[in-house]
């Protein structure tokens, strides 16, 4: 007796599937890796000597050269604030006053002295110009006599 199977059965699909003509290639095993290196030793046992000093960061004072002991130049902060009566000169004076401290901290002694002198000159000029402008503005009555 013959059993009829439907056309889409698993036996039918197995019969129609093509068979491989040869066996799949076999690959050789991967080469062996070398053993890991021993951990690197740090510090005095490595034979390199003591570690270097840490780098200087901004704002850290620098030791002056041997025999140089100079006093920090004045920043003229109060004068710079008073010079704000003529705003342009006041802002410039405040900038140079701040440069005195930052240049001194980094170790630029000559730059700090130059910034201090510039701040003083700009502040005095700004105060004089500001006072002259204030006197000329407040002294007139608003009337012009011809």
N, C-alpha and C. Protein backbone atom coordinates (compact mmCIF):
# COMPACT_ATOMS: atom_id res chain seq x y z
N UNK A 1 0.81 -1.14 0.00
CA UNK A 1 0.00 0.00 0.00
C UNK A 1 0.88 1.24 0.00
N UNK A 2 0.52 2.25 -0.72
CA UNK A 2 1.32 3.44 -0.88
C UNK A 2 0.64 4.58 -0.14
N UNK A 3 1.48 5.29 0.60
CA UNK A 3 0.95 6.44 1.33
C UNK A 3 1.25 7.68 0.51
N UNK A 4 0.21 8.41 0.27
CA UNK A 4 0.38 9.67 -0.46
C UNK A 4 0.70 10.78 0.53
N UNK A 5 1.80 11.48 0.28
CA UNK A 5 2.17 12.61 1.13
C UNK A 5 1.91 13.90 0.38
N UNK A 6 1.62 14.93 1.10
CA UNK A 6 1.39 16.20 0.40
C UNK A 6 2.67 16.67 -0.30
N UNK A 7 2.54 17.56 -1.26
CA UNK A 7 3.66 18.00 -2.09
C UNK A 7 4.68 18.82 -1.29
N UNK A 8 4.30 19.40 -0.25
CA UNK A 8 5.22 20.26 0.51
C UNK A 8 5.76 19.59 1.74
N UNK A 9 5.80 18.28 1.82
CA UNK A 9 6.25 17.61 3.02
C UNK A 9 7.77 17.69 3.15
N UNK A 10 8.25 17.34 4.36
CA UNK A 10 9.68 17.43 4.65
C UNK A 10 10.47 16.40 3.87
N UNK A 11 9.89 15.22 3.62
CA UNK A 11 10.60 14.19 2.88
C UNK A 11 10.85 14.61 1.44
N UNK A 12 9.87 15.31 0.88
CA UNK A 12 9.97 15.76 -0.49
C UNK A 12 11.05 16.84 -0.63
N UNK A 13 11.12 17.73 0.35
CA UNK A 13 12.12 18.81 0.31
C UNK A 13 13.52 18.23 0.47
N UNK A 14 13.64 17.20 1.29
CA UNK A 14 14.93 16.58 1.52
C UNK A 14 15.42 15.91 0.25
N UNK A 15 14.53 15.38 -0.51
CA UNK A 15 14.91 14.69 -1.73
C UNK A 15 15.36 15.67 -2.80
N UNK A 16 14.78 16.87 -2.82
CA UNK A 16 15.12 17.84 -3.86
C UNK A 16 16.36 18.67 -3.52
N UNK A 17 16.80 18.65 -2.29
CA UNK A 17 17.95 19.47 -1.90
C UNK A 17 19.22 18.91 -2.53
N UNK A 18 20.04 19.77 -3.17
CA UNK A 18 21.27 19.26 -3.80
C UNK A 18 22.28 18.84 -2.73
N UNK A 19 22.97 17.80 -3.00
CA UNK A 19 23.99 17.29 -2.10
C UNK A 19 25.33 17.94 -2.46
N UNK A 20 26.17 18.24 -1.44
CA UNK A 20 27.48 18.81 -1.78
C UNK A 20 28.34 17.78 -2.49
N UNK A 21 29.16 18.25 -3.41
CA UNK A 21 29.99 17.37 -4.20
C UNK A 21 31.25 16.97 -3.45
N UNK A 22 31.70 17.83 -2.53
CA UNK A 22 32.92 17.52 -1.77
C UNK A 22 32.73 17.99 -0.33
N UNK A 23 33.57 17.56 0.50
CA UNK A 23 33.50 17.92 1.92
C UNK A 23 33.99 19.35 2.12
N UNK A 24 33.46 20.09 3.13
CA UNK A 24 33.94 21.47 3.37
C UNK A 24 35.40 21.45 3.76
N UNK A 25 36.13 22.51 3.39
CA UNK A 25 37.57 22.54 3.70
C UNK A 25 37.79 22.61 5.21
N UNK A 26 38.84 21.99 5.63
CA UNK A 26 39.21 22.08 7.05
C UNK A 26 40.41 23.01 7.16
N UNK A 27 40.36 23.90 8.12
CA UNK A 27 41.42 24.88 8.30
C UNK A 27 42.36 24.43 9.40
N UNK A 28 43.65 24.79 9.27
CA UNK A 28 44.58 24.41 10.34
C UNK A 28 44.27 25.22 11.59
N UNK A 29 44.63 24.74 12.75
CA UNK A 29 44.36 25.50 13.98
C UNK A 29 45.21 26.79 14.00
N UNK A 30 44.72 27.83 14.68
CA UNK A 30 45.47 29.09 14.71
C UNK A 30 46.80 28.91 15.43
N UNK A 31 47.82 29.71 15.05
CA UNK A 31 49.12 29.58 15.71
C UNK A 31 49.01 29.96 17.18
N UNK A 32 49.88 29.43 17.96
CA UNK A 32 49.87 29.71 19.40
C UNK A 32 50.43 31.11 19.64
N UNK A 33 49.85 31.85 20.57
CA UNK A 33 50.31 33.19 20.90
C UNK A 33 51.47 33.09 21.88
N UNK A 34 52.40 34.07 21.81
CA UNK A 34 53.52 34.03 22.77
C UNK A 34 53.00 34.31 24.18
N UNK A 35 53.71 33.89 25.17
CA UNK A 35 53.25 34.15 26.55
C UNK A 35 53.33 35.64 26.87
N UNK A 36 52.47 36.14 27.74
CA UNK A 36 52.48 37.57 28.06
C UNK A 36 53.79 37.97 28.73
N UNK A 37 54.19 39.24 28.47
CA UNK A 37 55.42 39.76 29.06
C UNK A 37 55.22 40.00 30.55
N UNK A 38 56.27 39.90 31.34
CA UNK A 38 56.12 40.17 32.78
C UNK A 38 55.77 41.64 33.00
N UNK A 39 55.06 41.98 34.05
CA UNK A 39 54.68 43.38 34.28
C UNK A 39 55.91 44.27 34.47
N UNK A 40 55.79 45.49 33.93
CA UNK A 40 56.91 46.43 34.01
C UNK A 40 57.01 47.00 35.42
N UNK A 41 58.22 47.14 35.90
CA UNK A 41 58.44 47.64 37.25
C UNK A 41 58.70 49.14 37.20
N UNK A 42 58.09 49.86 38.09
CA UNK A 42 58.26 51.31 38.17
C UNK A 42 58.94 51.65 39.48
N UNK A 43 59.47 52.86 39.54
CA UNK A 43 60.04 53.33 40.79
C UNK A 43 61.54 53.11 40.84
N UNK A 44 62.12 53.17 42.04
CA UNK A 44 63.56 53.08 42.19
C UNK A 44 64.13 51.74 41.75
N UNK A 45 63.35 50.68 41.79
CA UNK A 45 63.89 49.37 41.43
C UNK A 45 64.11 49.25 39.92
N UNK A 46 63.50 50.16 39.13
CA UNK A 46 63.66 50.08 37.68
C UNK A 46 65.03 50.59 37.24
N UNK A 47 65.77 51.31 38.10
CA UNK A 47 67.09 51.77 37.76
C UNK A 47 67.12 53.09 37.01
N UNK A 48 66.02 53.85 37.04
CA UNK A 48 65.97 55.11 36.32
C UNK A 48 66.26 56.32 37.21
N UNK A 49 66.38 56.16 38.47
CA UNK A 49 66.63 57.27 39.37
C UNK A 49 65.33 57.83 39.92
N UNK A 50 65.42 58.94 40.64
CA UNK A 50 64.21 59.52 41.24
C UNK A 50 63.30 60.12 40.17
N UNK A 51 62.01 60.19 40.44
CA UNK A 51 61.09 60.76 39.45
C UNK A 51 61.32 62.27 39.33
N UNK A 52 60.99 62.86 38.18
CA UNK A 52 61.18 64.31 38.01
C UNK A 52 60.17 65.07 38.86
N UNK A 53 60.47 66.34 39.17
CA UNK A 53 59.52 67.13 39.95
C UNK A 53 58.27 67.40 39.12
N UNK A 54 57.14 67.63 39.75
CA UNK A 54 55.91 67.90 38.99
C UNK A 54 56.04 69.23 38.26
N UNK A 55 55.36 69.36 37.11
CA UNK A 55 55.46 70.61 36.35
C UNK A 55 54.77 71.75 37.10
N UNK A 56 55.24 72.97 36.85
CA UNK A 56 54.65 74.15 37.48
C UNK A 56 53.33 74.46 36.79
N UNK A 57 52.37 74.87 37.57
CA UNK A 57 51.09 75.26 37.02
C UNK A 57 50.95 76.77 37.13
N UNK A 58 49.98 77.30 36.43
CA UNK A 58 49.75 78.74 36.45
C UNK A 58 49.34 79.17 37.85
N UNK A 59 49.93 80.20 38.35
CA UNK A 59 49.59 80.71 39.67
C UNK A 59 50.54 80.23 40.75
N UNK A 60 51.43 79.32 40.40
CA UNK A 60 52.37 78.81 41.38
C UNK A 60 53.60 79.72 41.37
N UNK A 61 54.05 80.22 42.53
CA UNK A 61 55.19 81.13 42.53
C UNK A 61 56.47 80.43 42.10
N UNK A 62 57.28 81.16 41.39
CA UNK A 62 58.56 80.65 40.93
C UNK A 62 59.66 81.28 41.78
N UNK A 63 60.61 80.47 42.19
CA UNK A 63 61.70 80.99 43.01
C UNK A 63 62.58 81.90 42.15
N UNK A 64 62.90 83.11 42.63
CA UNK A 64 63.75 84.00 41.84
C UNK A 64 65.16 83.45 41.76
N UNK A 65 65.92 83.96 40.81
CA UNK A 65 67.30 83.51 40.61
C UNK A 65 68.13 83.85 41.85
N UNK A 66 69.23 83.17 42.00
CA UNK A 66 70.09 83.34 43.18
C UNK A 66 70.55 84.79 43.28
N UNK A 67 70.44 85.36 44.45
CA UNK A 67 70.89 86.72 44.68
C UNK A 67 69.87 87.79 44.30
N UNK A 68 68.75 87.41 43.71
CA UNK A 68 67.74 88.38 43.31
C UNK A 68 66.63 88.41 44.36
N UNK A 69 66.53 89.46 45.07
CA UNK A 69 65.43 89.61 46.03
C UNK A 69 64.81 90.97 45.76
N UNK A 70 63.86 91.01 44.87
CA UNK A 70 63.18 92.25 44.52
C UNK A 70 61.82 92.28 45.20
N UNK A 71 61.38 93.47 45.57
CA UNK A 71 60.06 93.63 46.18
C UNK A 71 59.02 93.68 45.07
N UNK A 72 57.84 93.17 45.37
CA UNK A 72 56.77 93.17 44.39
C UNK A 72 56.34 94.62 44.13
N UNK A 73 56.27 95.03 42.86
CA UNK A 73 55.85 96.40 42.56
C UNK A 73 54.37 96.62 42.90
N UNK A 74 54.02 97.86 43.15
CA UNK A 74 52.64 98.21 43.51
C UNK A 74 51.73 98.03 42.30
N UNK A 75 50.50 97.59 42.56
CA UNK A 75 49.53 97.38 41.48
C UNK A 75 48.66 98.61 41.25
N UNK A 76 48.60 99.52 42.22
CA UNK A 76 47.81 100.76 42.11
C UNK A 76 46.33 100.49 41.87
N UNK A 77 45.76 99.53 42.60
CA UNK A 77 44.34 99.23 42.47
C UNK A 77 43.45 100.41 42.84
N UNK A 78 43.67 101.09 43.98
CA UNK A 78 42.77 102.21 44.31
C UNK A 78 42.80 103.31 43.25
N UNK A 79 43.98 103.59 42.73
CA UNK A 79 44.08 104.61 41.69
C UNK A 79 43.34 104.18 40.43
N UNK A 80 43.42 102.91 40.12
CA UNK A 80 42.73 102.41 38.92
C UNK A 80 41.22 102.51 39.07
N UNK A 81 40.73 102.30 40.28
CA UNK A 81 39.28 102.40 40.50
C UNK A 81 38.84 103.86 40.44
N UNK A 82 39.65 104.76 40.99
CA UNK A 82 39.32 106.19 40.92
C UNK A 82 39.37 106.66 39.47
N UNK A 83 40.28 106.09 38.68
CA UNK A 83 40.42 106.50 37.28
C UNK A 83 39.20 106.13 36.45
N UNK A 84 38.28 105.37 37.02
CA UNK A 84 37.06 105.01 36.28
C UNK A 84 36.14 106.21 36.04
N UNK A 85 36.48 107.38 36.58
CA UNK A 85 35.68 108.57 36.23
C UNK A 85 35.85 108.90 34.75
N UNK A 86 36.95 108.48 34.16
CA UNK A 86 37.12 108.48 32.71
C UNK A 86 37.23 107.01 32.32
N UNK A 87 36.10 106.39 31.93
CA UNK A 87 36.02 104.93 31.84
C UNK A 87 37.08 104.25 30.98
N UNK A 88 37.47 104.85 29.89
CA UNK A 88 38.44 104.19 29.01
C UNK A 88 39.77 104.00 29.74
N UNK A 89 40.26 105.07 30.35
CA UNK A 89 41.53 104.98 31.07
C UNK A 89 41.40 104.10 32.31
N UNK A 90 40.24 104.13 32.96
CA UNK A 90 40.05 103.30 34.16
C UNK A 90 40.11 101.82 33.85
N UNK A 91 39.49 101.41 32.76
CA UNK A 91 39.51 99.99 32.38
C UNK A 91 40.92 99.58 31.99
N UNK A 92 41.62 100.42 31.26
CA UNK A 92 43.00 100.10 30.88
C UNK A 92 43.88 100.03 32.13
N UNK A 93 43.68 100.95 33.07
CA UNK A 93 44.45 100.93 34.32
C UNK A 93 44.19 99.66 35.13
N UNK A 94 42.94 99.23 35.19
CA UNK A 94 42.59 97.99 35.92
C UNK A 94 43.25 96.79 35.24
N UNK A 95 43.28 96.79 33.92
CA UNK A 95 43.93 95.68 33.21
C UNK A 95 45.42 95.60 33.58
N UNK A 96 46.12 96.73 33.53
CA UNK A 96 47.55 96.70 33.86
C UNK A 96 47.79 96.42 35.34
N UNK A 97 46.89 96.84 36.20
CA UNK A 97 47.03 96.51 37.62
C UNK A 97 46.92 95.01 37.85
N UNK A 98 46.04 94.37 37.12
CA UNK A 98 45.92 92.91 37.26
C UNK A 98 47.12 92.20 36.66
N UNK A 99 47.73 92.78 35.65
CA UNK A 99 48.91 92.17 35.04
C UNK A 99 50.12 92.18 35.99
N UNK A 100 50.17 93.14 36.91
CA UNK A 100 51.28 93.19 37.87
C UNK A 100 51.32 91.90 38.68
N UNK A 101 50.20 91.51 39.23
CA UNK A 101 50.15 90.32 40.08
C UNK A 101 50.40 89.04 39.27
N UNK A 102 49.76 88.93 38.12
CA UNK A 102 49.91 87.69 37.35
C UNK A 102 51.34 87.54 36.81
N UNK A 103 51.95 88.61 36.38
CA UNK A 103 53.33 88.51 35.89
C UNK A 103 54.31 88.23 37.03
N UNK A 104 54.06 88.81 38.18
CA UNK A 104 54.93 88.56 39.33
C UNK A 104 54.84 87.10 39.77
N UNK A 105 53.64 86.55 39.74
CA UNK A 105 53.43 85.16 40.15
C UNK A 105 54.16 84.19 39.23
N UNK A 106 54.20 84.48 37.95
CA UNK A 106 54.86 83.61 36.99
C UNK A 106 56.38 83.76 37.06
N UNK A 107 56.86 84.89 37.58
CA UNK A 107 58.30 85.09 37.69
C UNK A 107 58.83 86.15 36.74
N UNK A 108 57.95 86.83 36.02
CA UNK A 108 58.35 87.88 35.09
C UNK A 108 58.47 89.19 35.86
N UNK A 109 59.64 89.40 36.49
CA UNK A 109 59.83 90.56 37.36
C UNK A 109 59.83 91.85 36.54
N UNK A 110 60.54 91.86 35.42
CA UNK A 110 60.60 93.07 34.60
C UNK A 110 59.22 93.39 34.01
N UNK A 111 58.47 92.38 33.60
CA UNK A 111 57.12 92.61 33.08
C UNK A 111 56.19 93.17 34.15
N UNK A 112 56.35 92.71 35.40
CA UNK A 112 55.53 93.22 36.49
C UNK A 112 55.85 94.68 36.76
N UNK A 113 57.13 95.04 36.73
CA UNK A 113 57.51 96.45 36.95
C UNK A 113 56.98 97.33 35.82
N UNK A 114 57.08 96.85 34.60
CA UNK A 114 56.59 97.63 33.45
C UNK A 114 55.07 97.81 33.53
N UNK A 115 54.34 96.75 33.90
CA UNK A 115 52.88 96.84 34.03
C UNK A 115 52.50 97.80 35.16
N UNK A 116 53.28 97.81 36.24
CA UNK A 116 53.02 98.72 37.36
C UNK A 116 53.19 100.18 36.92
N UNK A 117 54.27 100.44 36.21
CA UNK A 117 54.52 101.82 35.74
C UNK A 117 53.44 102.24 34.75
N UNK A 118 53.05 101.35 33.85
CA UNK A 118 52.01 101.67 32.87
C UNK A 118 50.68 101.93 33.57
N UNK A 119 50.34 101.12 34.57
CA UNK A 119 49.10 101.33 35.31
C UNK A 119 49.11 102.69 35.99
N UNK A 120 50.22 103.08 36.60
CA UNK A 120 50.30 104.38 37.27
C UNK A 120 50.11 105.51 36.28
N UNK A 121 50.79 105.47 35.14
CA UNK A 121 50.67 106.56 34.15
C UNK A 121 49.26 106.64 33.60
N UNK A 122 48.68 105.50 33.23
CA UNK A 122 47.32 105.50 32.66
C UNK A 122 46.32 105.99 33.70
N UNK A 123 46.49 105.61 34.95
CA UNK A 123 45.56 106.06 36.00
C UNK A 123 45.64 107.56 36.22
N UNK A 124 46.84 108.11 36.27
CA UNK A 124 46.98 109.57 36.48
C UNK A 124 46.40 110.33 35.30
N UNK A 125 46.69 109.88 34.08
CA UNK A 125 46.13 110.55 32.89
C UNK A 125 44.61 110.44 32.89
N UNK A 126 44.08 109.30 33.25
CA UNK A 126 42.63 109.13 33.28
C UNK A 126 41.96 110.00 34.33
N UNK A 127 42.58 110.14 35.50
CA UNK A 127 42.01 111.00 36.55
C UNK A 127 42.03 112.46 36.10
N UNK A 128 43.12 112.90 35.49
CA UNK A 128 43.22 114.29 35.03
C UNK A 128 42.19 114.56 33.95
N UNK A 129 42.08 113.69 32.96
CA UNK A 129 41.10 113.89 31.88
C UNK A 129 39.68 113.84 32.45
N UNK A 130 39.42 112.91 33.35
CA UNK A 130 38.09 112.81 33.94
C UNK A 130 37.71 114.05 34.73
N UNK A 131 38.64 114.58 35.53
CA UNK A 131 38.36 115.81 36.28
C UNK A 131 38.14 116.99 35.35
N UNK A 132 38.92 117.09 34.29
CA UNK A 132 38.73 118.19 33.33
C UNK A 132 37.36 118.10 32.66
N UNK A 133 36.96 116.90 32.28
CA UNK A 133 35.65 116.72 31.66
C UNK A 133 34.53 117.05 32.64
N UNK A 134 34.68 116.63 33.88
CA UNK A 134 33.64 116.91 34.87
C UNK A 134 33.53 118.41 35.13
N UNK A 135 34.67 119.09 35.22
CA UNK A 135 34.63 120.54 35.46
C UNK A 135 34.02 121.27 34.28
N UNK A 136 34.32 120.84 33.07
CA UNK A 136 33.76 121.54 31.91
C UNK A 136 32.27 121.25 31.77
N UNK A 137 31.81 120.07 32.15
CA UNK A 137 30.39 119.76 32.03
C UNK A 137 29.57 120.44 33.13
N UNK A 138 30.09 120.47 34.35
CA UNK A 138 29.31 121.02 35.46
C UNK A 138 29.47 122.52 35.64
N UNK A 139 30.45 123.11 35.01
CA UNK A 139 30.65 124.55 35.20
C UNK A 139 29.78 125.38 34.27
N UNK A 140 29.33 124.83 33.18
CA UNK A 140 28.49 125.62 32.27
C UNK A 140 27.06 125.59 32.75
N UNK A 141 26.36 126.66 32.53
CA UNK A 141 24.97 126.76 32.92
C UNK A 141 24.04 126.19 31.86
N UNK A 142 24.60 125.87 30.77
CA UNK A 142 23.76 125.38 29.67
C UNK A 142 23.45 126.50 28.71
N UNK A 143 23.86 127.71 29.01
CA UNK A 143 23.63 128.85 28.15
C UNK A 143 24.95 129.22 27.50
N UNK A 144 24.87 129.57 26.25
CA UNK A 144 26.05 130.01 25.53
C UNK A 144 25.92 131.50 25.27
N UNK A 145 26.91 132.25 25.66
CA UNK A 145 26.92 133.71 25.43
C UNK A 145 27.84 134.00 24.29
N UNK A 146 27.34 134.74 23.36
CA UNK A 146 28.15 135.12 22.19
C UNK A 146 28.51 136.56 22.28
